[in-house]
Amino acid sequence: MKLSLTLSQAALVLGLGCLLGHLWPLFRPGACAAWLRRFHRNTPVGVVLMLLGSVWFEQNLQNSEISDFAAFRPFLLGGVIAIGVASCFVVRDYLSVRGLAIVLCLAADLVLDAQRWHPSPWRYLVTVWMYVWVTLAIWVALAPWRVRDWLDWCARSEGRVRLLGLSGVAWGALISALAVTAYR
């Protein structure tokens, strides 16, 4: 059974996640900056993200109705998990960045499915946000060291970390507000 959400549900989860996730840099910028500088080499987080992405993709593949690759489905089902687990041992450099890229693409797919037929023109805010996620995910999956440089730039000063936290809280509040109003 494929997971499906309404746009309101997806936006509420995303908005609250963004809002709550950005409270940490807003109120504890030093600790957040230190964690951001280490994120690209954080193997435990990378393993969790890579395995989550592998299982999620496996679930999507299992529930897919595309007949073009029906003959290859048994091989793909085993291969996806094998590649995900093997990546945790073989491709340890920037594993967290690669795992995050996979999870962002899968989350964007779920949200884009939810917004597809919603009548509100406000849905385009979430649509653009998800396409930005996908574009960034592809970009950093191809060159994961760019995340190291970008996060280093973000964490260069506590003021910058706080400003980014404030912008994330504001964006999360906007998306959450839309989730309970325009996306109903």
N, C-alpha and C. Protein backbone atom coordinates (compact mmCIF):
# COMPACT_ATOMS: atom_id res chain seq x y z
N MET A 1 0.84 -1.18 0.00
CA MET A 1 0.00 0.00 0.00
C MET A 1 0.88 1.24 0.00
N LYS A 2 0.67 2.12 -0.95
CA LYS A 2 1.47 3.33 -1.07
C LYS A 2 0.96 4.39 -0.11
N LEU A 3 1.90 5.03 0.55
CA LEU A 3 1.57 6.12 1.47
C LEU A 3 1.08 7.30 0.66
N SER A 4 -0.06 7.84 1.04
CA SER A 4 -0.53 9.05 0.37
C SER A 4 -1.03 10.02 1.43
N LEU A 5 -0.72 11.25 1.22
CA LEU A 5 -1.11 12.33 2.12
C LEU A 5 -1.89 13.37 1.35
N THR A 6 -2.70 14.11 2.07
CA THR A 6 -3.30 15.29 1.46
C THR A 6 -2.27 16.40 1.50
N LEU A 7 -2.49 17.43 0.72
CA LEU A 7 -1.56 18.56 0.73
C LEU A 7 -1.53 19.21 2.10
N SER A 8 -2.66 19.27 2.76
CA SER A 8 -2.72 19.85 4.10
C SER A 8 -1.84 19.06 5.07
N GLN A 9 -1.94 17.74 5.04
CA GLN A 9 -1.14 16.91 5.94
C GLN A 9 0.36 17.04 5.63
N ALA A 10 0.70 16.96 4.34
CA ALA A 10 2.10 17.05 3.95
C ALA A 10 2.68 18.41 4.32
N ALA A 11 1.94 19.47 4.07
CA ALA A 11 2.43 20.81 4.37
C ALA A 11 2.54 21.03 5.88
N LEU A 12 1.63 20.45 6.63
CA LEU A 12 1.71 20.60 8.08
C LEU A 12 2.95 19.89 8.64
N VAL A 13 3.22 18.70 8.16
CA VAL A 13 4.42 17.98 8.59
C VAL A 13 5.68 18.75 8.18
N LEU A 14 5.73 19.19 6.94
CA LEU A 14 6.89 19.95 6.47
C LEU A 14 7.04 21.27 7.21
N GLY A 15 5.94 21.99 7.34
CA GLY A 15 6.00 23.30 7.99
C GLY A 15 6.42 23.21 9.44
N LEU A 16 5.79 22.30 10.19
CA LEU A 16 6.17 22.14 11.59
C LEU A 16 7.59 21.61 11.73
N GLY A 17 7.97 20.70 10.84
CA GLY A 17 9.34 20.19 10.86
C GLY A 17 10.36 21.29 10.60
N CYS A 18 10.06 22.14 9.64
CA CYS A 18 10.95 23.26 9.33
C CYS A 18 10.99 24.25 10.49
N LEU A 19 9.83 24.59 11.01
CA LEU A 19 9.75 25.54 12.13
C LEU A 19 10.49 25.01 13.35
N LEU A 20 10.19 23.79 13.77
CA LEU A 20 10.82 23.23 14.96
C LEU A 20 12.31 22.96 14.75
N GLY A 21 12.66 22.52 13.56
CA GLY A 21 14.06 22.25 13.26
C GLY A 21 14.93 23.49 13.26
N HIS A 22 14.34 24.63 12.97
CA HIS A 22 15.11 25.88 12.93
C HIS A 22 15.10 26.64 14.25
N LEU A 23 14.43 26.10 15.25
CA LEU A 23 14.51 26.72 16.58
C LEU A 23 15.89 26.52 17.19
N TRP A 24 16.50 25.38 16.92
CA TRP A 24 17.83 25.09 17.46
C TRP A 24 18.87 26.12 17.00
N PRO A 25 19.01 26.39 15.68
CA PRO A 25 19.98 27.42 15.30
C PRO A 25 19.60 28.83 15.78
N LEU A 26 18.33 29.05 15.97
CA LEU A 26 17.89 30.36 16.44
C LEU A 26 18.31 30.60 17.88
N PHE A 27 18.15 29.58 18.73
CA PHE A 27 18.42 29.76 20.16
C PHE A 27 19.77 29.22 20.63
N ARG A 28 20.36 28.29 19.88
CA ARG A 28 21.66 27.73 20.24
C ARG A 28 22.58 27.74 19.03
N PRO A 29 22.91 28.92 18.50
CA PRO A 29 23.68 28.98 17.25
C PRO A 29 25.08 28.38 17.34
N GLY A 30 25.73 28.47 18.48
CA GLY A 30 27.08 27.89 18.61
C GLY A 30 27.07 26.39 18.49
N ALA A 31 26.16 25.74 19.22
CA ALA A 31 26.07 24.28 19.16
C ALA A 31 25.63 23.81 17.78
N CYS A 32 24.71 24.54 17.19
CA CYS A 32 24.23 24.19 15.86
C CYS A 32 25.35 24.33 14.82
N ALA A 33 26.11 25.42 14.91
CA ALA A 33 27.20 25.65 13.96
C ALA A 33 28.24 24.53 14.05
N ALA A 34 28.56 24.11 15.27
CA ALA A 34 29.53 23.02 15.45
C ALA A 34 29.00 21.73 14.82
N TRP A 35 27.72 21.43 14.99
CA TRP A 35 27.14 20.23 14.41
C TRP A 35 27.11 20.32 12.89
N LEU A 36 26.76 21.50 12.36
CA LEU A 36 26.72 21.68 10.91
C LEU A 36 28.09 21.46 10.27
N ARG A 37 29.14 21.93 10.95
CA ARG A 37 30.49 21.75 10.40
C ARG A 37 30.89 20.29 10.32
N ARG A 38 30.29 19.44 11.15
CA ARG A 38 30.63 18.00 11.16
C ARG A 38 29.62 17.15 10.40
N PHE A 39 28.53 17.72 9.94
CA PHE A 39 27.46 16.92 9.33
C PHE A 39 27.94 16.10 8.14
N HIS A 40 28.74 16.66 7.27
CA HIS A 40 29.12 15.96 6.04
C HIS A 40 29.92 14.69 6.30
N ARG A 41 30.52 14.57 7.48
CA ARG A 41 31.29 13.36 7.83
C ARG A 41 30.63 12.57 8.96
N ASN A 42 29.36 12.82 9.24
CA ASN A 42 28.67 12.16 10.33
C ASN A 42 28.16 10.79 9.86
N THR A 43 28.95 9.77 10.12
CA THR A 43 28.62 8.43 9.62
C THR A 43 27.34 7.86 10.23
N PRO A 44 27.11 7.97 11.54
CA PRO A 44 25.85 7.41 12.07
C PRO A 44 24.61 8.05 11.43
N VAL A 45 24.61 9.34 11.26
CA VAL A 45 23.48 10.01 10.60
C VAL A 45 23.39 9.54 9.15
N GLY A 46 24.53 9.37 8.51
CA GLY A 46 24.55 8.90 7.13
C GLY A 46 23.98 7.51 6.98
N VAL A 47 24.31 6.62 7.90
CA VAL A 47 23.78 5.26 7.85
C VAL A 47 22.26 5.27 8.00
N VAL A 48 21.77 6.05 8.97
CA VAL A 48 20.32 6.13 9.17
C VAL A 48 19.63 6.68 7.93
N LEU A 49 20.16 7.77 7.37
CA LEU A 49 19.54 8.37 6.18
C LEU A 49 19.61 7.45 4.97
N MET A 50 20.74 6.78 4.78
CA MET A 50 20.89 5.88 3.63
C MET A 50 19.94 4.68 3.75
N LEU A 51 19.85 4.11 4.94
CA LEU A 51 18.95 2.96 5.12
C LEU A 51 17.48 3.39 5.03
N LEU A 52 17.15 4.55 5.58
CA LEU A 52 15.79 5.08 5.45
C LEU A 52 15.45 5.29 3.97
N GLY A 53 16.36 5.90 3.23
CA GLY A 53 16.14 6.12 1.81
C GLY A 53 16.00 4.82 1.04
N SER A 54 16.81 3.83 1.38
CA SER A 54 16.75 2.53 0.69
C SER A 54 15.43 1.83 0.95
N VAL A 55 15.00 1.81 2.21
CA VAL A 55 13.74 1.14 2.54
C VAL A 55 12.57 1.89 1.92
N TRP A 56 12.61 3.20 1.96
CA TRP A 56 11.54 4.01 1.38
C TRP A 56 11.45 3.78 -0.12
N PHE A 57 12.60 3.80 -0.81
CA PHE A 57 12.61 3.55 -2.24
C PHE A 57 12.13 2.14 -2.55
N GLU A 58 12.55 1.18 -1.74
CA GLU A 58 12.11 -0.19 -1.91
C GLU A 58 10.58 -0.29 -1.81
N GLN A 59 10.02 0.44 -0.86
CA GLN A 59 8.56 0.46 -0.69
C GLN A 59 7.89 1.06 -1.92
N ASN A 60 8.44 2.16 -2.41
CA ASN A 60 7.89 2.78 -3.63
C ASN A 60 7.96 1.83 -4.82
N LEU A 61 9.08 1.13 -4.93
CA LEU A 61 9.26 0.19 -6.03
C LEU A 61 8.28 -0.98 -5.91
N GLN A 62 8.09 -1.45 -4.70
CA GLN A 62 7.17 -2.56 -4.46
C GLN A 62 5.74 -2.18 -4.87
N ASN A 63 5.36 -0.95 -4.62
CA ASN A 63 3.99 -0.50 -4.89
C ASN A 63 3.81 0.13 -6.26
N SER A 64 4.85 0.17 -7.03
CA SER A 64 4.76 0.81 -8.33
C SER A 64 4.00 -0.09 -9.31
N GLU A 65 3.30 0.54 -10.22
CA GLU A 65 2.51 -0.21 -11.19
C GLU A 65 3.05 -0.06 -12.61
N ILE A 66 4.29 0.30 -12.73
CA ILE A 66 4.90 0.49 -14.05
C ILE A 66 5.28 -0.88 -14.60
N SER A 67 4.65 -1.25 -15.69
CA SER A 67 4.87 -2.59 -16.24
C SER A 67 6.15 -2.68 -17.07
N ASP A 68 6.77 -1.54 -17.37
CA ASP A 68 7.99 -1.57 -18.19
C ASP A 68 9.12 -2.36 -17.53
N PHE A 69 9.17 -2.34 -16.22
CA PHE A 69 10.24 -3.08 -15.55
C PHE A 69 9.71 -4.19 -14.65
N ALA A 70 8.51 -4.68 -14.92
CA ALA A 70 7.91 -5.74 -14.11
C ALA A 70 8.77 -7.01 -14.12
N ALA A 71 9.38 -7.30 -15.24
CA ALA A 71 10.21 -8.51 -15.33
C ALA A 71 11.47 -8.39 -14.47
N PHE A 72 11.94 -7.17 -14.26
CA PHE A 72 13.17 -6.94 -13.48
C PHE A 72 12.89 -6.66 -12.01
N ARG A 73 11.62 -6.58 -11.64
CA ARG A 73 11.26 -6.20 -10.27
C ARG A 73 11.94 -7.05 -9.20
N PRO A 74 11.98 -8.38 -9.30
CA PRO A 74 12.64 -9.16 -8.24
C PRO A 74 14.12 -8.78 -8.06
N PHE A 75 14.80 -8.53 -9.18
CA PHE A 75 16.22 -8.15 -9.10
C PHE A 75 16.37 -6.75 -8.50
N LEU A 76 15.47 -5.86 -8.90
CA LEU A 76 15.52 -4.49 -8.38
C LEU A 76 15.23 -4.45 -6.89
N LEU A 77 14.26 -5.23 -6.46
CA LEU A 77 13.89 -5.23 -5.04
C LEU A 77 15.06 -5.68 -4.17
N GLY A 78 15.74 -6.70 -4.59
CA GLY A 78 16.92 -7.15 -3.83
C GLY A 78 18.10 -6.21 -3.99
N GLY A 79 18.23 -5.66 -5.18
CA GLY A 79 19.37 -4.79 -5.46
C GLY A 79 19.34 -3.47 -4.72
N VAL A 80 18.17 -2.92 -4.54
CA VAL A 80 18.06 -1.62 -3.88
C VAL A 80 18.55 -1.71 -2.44
N ILE A 81 18.08 -2.70 -1.73
CA ILE A 81 18.51 -2.86 -0.33
C ILE A 81 20.00 -3.22 -0.28
N ALA A 82 20.46 -4.08 -1.17
CA ALA A 82 21.87 -4.45 -1.17
C ALA A 82 22.76 -3.23 -1.43
N ILE A 83 22.36 -2.39 -2.36
CA ILE A 83 23.15 -1.19 -2.65
C ILE A 83 23.11 -0.22 -1.47
N GLY A 84 21.95 -0.08 -0.85
CA GLY A 84 21.84 0.81 0.30
C GLY A 84 22.72 0.36 1.46
N VAL A 85 22.69 -0.93 1.76
CA VAL A 85 23.52 -1.45 2.85
C VAL A 85 24.99 -1.39 2.48
N ALA A 86 25.32 -1.78 1.26
CA ALA A 86 26.73 -1.74 0.83
C ALA A 86 27.28 -0.32 0.85
N SER A 87 26.45 0.65 0.53
CA SER A 87 26.91 2.05 0.56
C SER A 87 27.34 2.47 1.95
N CYS A 88 26.70 1.92 2.95
CA CYS A 88 27.05 2.27 4.34
C CYS A 88 28.45 1.78 4.71
N PHE A 89 28.95 0.75 4.01
CA PHE A 89 30.28 0.23 4.29
C PHE A 89 31.33 0.71 3.30
N VAL A 90 30.94 0.87 2.05
CA VAL A 90 31.90 1.15 1.00
C VAL A 90 32.06 2.64 0.73
N VAL A 91 30.98 3.38 0.75
CA VAL A 91 31.00 4.80 0.38
C VAL A 91 30.79 5.64 1.64
N ARG A 92 31.70 5.56 2.58
CA ARG A 92 31.53 6.25 3.86
C ARG A 92 31.77 7.75 3.75
N ASP A 93 32.56 8.19 2.78
CA ASP A 93 32.79 9.63 2.61
C ASP A 93 31.49 10.30 2.19
N TYR A 94 31.12 11.30 2.94
CA TYR A 94 29.92 12.09 2.64
C TYR A 94 28.66 11.23 2.59
N LEU A 95 28.63 10.16 3.37
CA LEU A 95 27.46 9.29 3.39
C LEU A 95 26.22 10.03 3.85
N SER A 96 26.36 10.91 4.82
CA SER A 96 25.21 11.67 5.33
C SER A 96 24.65 12.59 4.25
N VAL A 97 25.51 13.16 3.43
CA VAL A 97 25.05 14.04 2.36
C VAL A 97 24.31 13.24 1.30
N ARG A 98 24.86 12.11 0.93
CA ARG A 98 24.21 11.26 -0.07
C ARG A 98 22.88 10.70 0.44
N GLY A 99 22.87 10.26 1.69
CA GLY A 99 21.62 9.76 2.28
C GLY A 99 20.57 10.85 2.35
N LEU A 100 20.98 12.07 2.73
CA LEU A 100 20.04 13.18 2.78
C LEU A 100 19.49 13.49 1.39
N ALA A 101 20.32 13.41 0.37
CA ALA A 101 19.87 13.67 -1.00
C ALA A 101 18.78 12.67 -1.41
N ILE A 102 18.96 11.42 -1.05
CA ILE A 102 17.96 10.40 -1.39
C ILE A 102 16.65 10.67 -0.65
N VAL A 103 16.74 10.95 0.63
CA VAL A 103 15.53 11.20 1.43
C VAL A 103 14.80 12.46 0.95
N LEU A 104 15.55 13.50 0.59
CA LEU A 104 14.91 14.72 0.09
C LEU A 104 14.15 14.46 -1.22
N CYS A 105 14.75 13.68 -2.11
CA CYS A 105 14.05 13.37 -3.38
C CYS A 105 12.79 12.55 -3.13
N LEU A 106 12.86 11.59 -2.23
CA LEU A 106 11.68 10.77 -1.93
C LEU A 106 10.59 11.58 -1.23
N ALA A 107 10.99 12.47 -0.33
CA ALA A 107 10.00 13.33 0.34
C ALA A 107 9.36 14.28 -0.67
N ALA A 108 10.16 14.81 -1.57
CA ALA A 108 9.62 15.71 -2.59
C ALA A 108 8.62 14.98 -3.47
N ASP A 109 8.90 13.74 -3.82
CA ASP A 109 7.96 12.94 -4.61
C ASP A 109 6.62 12.80 -3.90
N LEU A 110 6.67 12.51 -2.62
CA LEU A 110 5.45 12.35 -1.83
C LEU A 110 4.64 13.65 -1.78
N VAL A 111 5.32 14.76 -1.56
CA VAL A 111 4.64 16.05 -1.46
C VAL A 111 4.11 16.49 -2.83
N LEU A 112 4.88 16.28 -3.88
CA LEU A 112 4.43 16.67 -5.22
C LEU A 112 3.21 15.85 -5.65
N ASP A 113 3.15 14.59 -5.25
CA ASP A 113 1.94 13.80 -5.51
C ASP A 113 0.75 14.37 -4.76
N ALA A 114 0.97 14.84 -3.54
CA ALA A 114 -0.13 15.39 -2.74
C ALA A 114 -0.66 16.71 -3.30
N GLN A 115 0.20 17.52 -3.86
CA GLN A 115 -0.24 18.84 -4.32
C GLN A 115 -0.77 18.86 -5.75
N ARG A 116 -0.58 17.78 -6.47
CA ARG A 116 -0.85 17.76 -7.90
C ARG A 116 -2.23 18.30 -8.29
N TRP A 117 -3.28 17.88 -7.63
CA TRP A 117 -4.63 18.25 -8.04
C TRP A 117 -5.29 19.24 -7.09
N HIS A 118 -4.51 19.81 -6.19
CA HIS A 118 -5.11 20.77 -5.25
C HIS A 118 -5.44 22.07 -5.98
N PRO A 119 -6.64 22.64 -5.76
CA PRO A 119 -7.07 23.81 -6.53
C PRO A 119 -6.42 25.14 -6.12
N SER A 120 -5.85 25.23 -4.93
CA SER A 120 -5.33 26.51 -4.47
C SER A 120 -4.05 26.90 -5.21
N PRO A 121 -3.96 28.16 -5.65
CA PRO A 121 -2.71 28.60 -6.27
C PRO A 121 -1.57 28.69 -5.26
N TRP A 122 -1.87 28.66 -3.96
CA TRP A 122 -0.83 28.67 -2.93
C TRP A 122 -0.02 27.38 -2.94
N ARG A 123 -0.51 26.36 -3.64
CA ARG A 123 0.23 25.10 -3.69
C ARG A 123 1.58 25.27 -4.39
N TYR A 124 1.69 26.32 -5.21
CA TYR A 124 2.94 26.52 -5.94
C TYR A 124 4.11 26.87 -5.03
N LEU A 125 3.83 27.39 -3.83
CA LEU A 125 4.92 27.62 -2.87
C LEU A 125 5.58 26.30 -2.49
N VAL A 126 4.76 25.31 -2.18
CA VAL A 126 5.29 24.00 -1.81
C VAL A 126 5.91 23.32 -3.04
N THR A 127 5.30 23.51 -4.19
CA THR A 127 5.82 22.91 -5.42
C THR A 127 7.23 23.42 -5.71
N VAL A 128 7.40 24.72 -5.66
CA VAL A 128 8.72 25.30 -5.92
C VAL A 128 9.72 24.83 -4.86
N TRP A 129 9.29 24.80 -3.61
CA TRP A 129 10.16 24.34 -2.53
C TRP A 129 10.64 22.91 -2.79
N MET A 130 9.75 22.04 -3.24
CA MET A 130 10.13 20.65 -3.49
C MET A 130 11.07 20.54 -4.70
N TYR A 131 10.84 21.35 -5.72
CA TYR A 131 11.75 21.33 -6.87
C TYR A 131 13.12 21.88 -6.50
N VAL A 132 13.17 22.81 -5.59
CA VAL A 132 14.46 23.29 -5.08
C VAL A 132 15.15 22.14 -4.34
N TRP A 133 14.41 21.40 -3.51
CA TRP A 133 14.99 20.24 -2.83
C TRP A 133 15.58 19.25 -3.82
N VAL A 134 14.81 18.92 -4.85
CA VAL A 134 15.27 17.92 -5.82
C VAL A 134 16.52 18.43 -6.55
N THR A 135 16.49 19.68 -6.96
CA THR A 135 17.64 20.25 -7.67
C THR A 135 18.88 20.24 -6.78
N LEU A 136 18.73 20.67 -5.53
CA LEU A 136 19.87 20.66 -4.61
C LEU A 136 20.32 19.24 -4.30
N ALA A 137 19.39 18.32 -4.18
CA ALA A 137 19.75 16.93 -3.89
C ALA A 137 20.59 16.34 -5.03
N ILE A 138 20.19 16.60 -6.25
CA ILE A 138 20.96 16.10 -7.40
C ILE A 138 22.34 16.77 -7.43
N TRP A 139 22.35 18.06 -7.19
CA TRP A 139 23.60 18.83 -7.23
C TRP A 139 24.59 18.32 -6.19
N VAL A 140 24.12 18.10 -4.95
CA VAL A 140 25.06 17.67 -3.91
C VAL A 140 25.37 16.18 -4.01
N ALA A 141 24.47 15.38 -4.59
CA ALA A 141 24.80 13.97 -4.78
C ALA A 141 25.94 13.81 -5.78
N LEU A 142 25.99 14.71 -6.75
CA LEU A 142 27.07 14.67 -7.74
C LEU A 142 28.38 15.21 -7.19
N ALA A 143 28.30 16.16 -6.28
CA ALA A 143 29.50 16.78 -5.71
C ALA A 143 29.25 17.07 -4.23
N PRO A 144 29.30 16.04 -3.38
CA PRO A 144 28.90 16.22 -1.99
C PRO A 144 29.80 17.16 -1.18
N TRP A 145 31.02 17.40 -1.63
CA TRP A 145 31.89 18.33 -0.90
C TRP A 145 31.35 19.75 -0.92
N ARG A 146 30.45 20.03 -1.84
CA ARG A 146 29.84 21.37 -1.87
C ARG A 146 29.03 21.64 -0.61
N VAL A 147 28.44 20.59 -0.03
CA VAL A 147 27.69 20.75 1.22
C VAL A 147 28.64 21.15 2.33
N ARG A 148 29.81 20.55 2.38
CA ARG A 148 30.81 20.94 3.39
C ARG A 148 31.11 22.42 3.30
N ASP A 149 31.34 22.90 2.08
CA ASP A 149 31.67 24.32 1.89
C ASP A 149 30.48 25.21 2.23
N TRP A 150 29.28 24.80 1.82
CA TRP A 150 28.09 25.60 2.08
C TRP A 150 27.78 25.65 3.57
N LEU A 151 27.86 24.52 4.25
CA LEU A 151 27.60 24.50 5.69
C LEU A 151 28.67 25.27 6.46
N ASP A 152 29.90 25.23 5.97
CA ASP A 152 30.96 26.03 6.60
C ASP A 152 30.64 27.51 6.46
N TRP A 153 30.15 27.91 5.30
CA TRP A 153 29.75 29.31 5.10
C TRP A 153 28.59 29.67 6.02
N CYS A 154 27.61 28.79 6.12
CA CYS A 154 26.45 29.05 6.99
C CYS A 154 26.85 29.18 8.45
N ALA A 155 27.84 28.40 8.88
CA ALA A 155 28.23 28.34 10.29
C ALA A 155 29.38 29.29 10.63
N ARG A 156 29.73 30.17 9.72
CA ARG A 156 30.88 31.03 9.93
C ARG A 156 30.71 31.99 11.11
N SER A 157 29.49 32.45 11.35
CA SER A 157 29.26 33.35 12.49
C SER A 157 27.93 32.99 13.14
N GLU A 158 27.84 33.28 14.43
CA GLU A 158 26.60 32.98 15.15
C GLU A 158 25.45 33.83 14.62
N GLY A 159 25.74 35.04 14.20
CA GLY A 159 24.70 35.89 13.64
C GLY A 159 24.11 35.30 12.37
N ARG A 160 24.96 34.74 11.53
CA ARG A 160 24.48 34.11 10.30
C ARG A 160 23.64 32.88 10.61
N VAL A 161 24.08 32.09 11.59
CA VAL A 161 23.32 30.90 11.98
C VAL A 161 21.95 31.32 12.51
N ARG A 162 21.93 32.37 13.34
CA ARG A 162 20.64 32.85 13.89
C ARG A 162 19.73 33.35 12.77
N LEU A 163 20.29 34.08 11.82
CA LEU A 163 19.50 34.61 10.70
C LEU A 163 18.91 33.47 9.88
N LEU A 164 19.70 32.45 9.61
CA LEU A 164 19.20 31.29 8.88
C LEU A 164 18.14 30.55 9.69
N GLY A 165 18.33 30.47 11.01
CA GLY A 165 17.32 29.86 11.87
C GLY A 165 16.02 30.65 11.85
N LEU A 166 16.13 31.97 11.91
CA LEU A 166 14.94 32.82 11.88
C LEU A 166 14.20 32.68 10.55
N SER A 167 14.94 32.62 9.46
CA SER A 167 14.28 32.47 8.15
C SER A 167 13.60 31.11 8.05
N GLY A 168 14.21 30.07 8.60
CA GLY A 168 13.58 28.75 8.60
C GLY A 168 12.32 28.70 9.46
N VAL A 169 12.35 29.39 10.60
CA VAL A 169 11.17 29.46 11.47
C VAL A 169 10.05 30.19 10.74
N ALA A 170 10.39 31.30 10.08
CA ALA A 170 9.37 32.07 9.35
C ALA A 170 8.77 31.25 8.21
N TRP A 171 9.62 30.57 7.45
CA TRP A 171 9.12 29.75 6.33
C TRP A 171 8.25 28.61 6.86
N GLY A 172 8.69 27.97 7.93
CA GLY A 172 7.91 26.89 8.51
C GLY A 172 6.56 27.37 9.03
N ALA A 173 6.55 28.57 9.62
CA ALA A 173 5.29 29.13 10.11
C ALA A 173 4.35 29.42 8.94
N LEU A 174 4.88 29.94 7.83
CA LEU A 174 4.06 30.24 6.65
C LEU A 174 3.45 28.95 6.08
N ILE A 175 4.27 27.93 5.90
CA ILE A 175 3.78 26.67 5.34
C ILE A 175 2.78 26.02 6.29
N SER A 176 3.03 26.09 7.59
CA SER A 176 2.08 25.52 8.57
C SER A 176 0.75 26.27 8.53
N ALA A 177 0.82 27.59 8.42
CA ALA A 177 -0.40 28.38 8.34
C ALA A 177 -1.20 28.05 7.06
N LEU A 178 -0.49 27.88 5.96
CA LEU A 178 -1.16 27.48 4.72
C LEU A 178 -1.78 26.10 4.84
N ALA A 179 -1.11 25.22 5.57
CA ALA A 179 -1.62 23.85 5.74
C ALA A 179 -2.98 23.83 6.43
N VAL A 180 -3.20 24.74 7.36
CA VAL A 180 -4.47 24.73 8.09
C VAL A 180 -5.49 25.72 7.51
N THR A 181 -5.09 26.45 6.46
CA THR A 181 -6.04 27.38 5.84
C THR A 181 -6.23 27.04 4.36
N ALA A 182 -5.34 27.49 3.53
CA ALA A 182 -5.50 27.38 2.08
C ALA A 182 -5.41 25.96 1.54
N TYR A 183 -4.70 25.09 2.23
CA TYR A 183 -4.52 23.73 1.72
C TYR A 183 -5.58 22.76 2.22
N ARG A 184 -6.56 23.20 2.97
CA ARG A 184 -7.61 22.34 3.50
C ARG A 184 -8.46 21.78 2.40
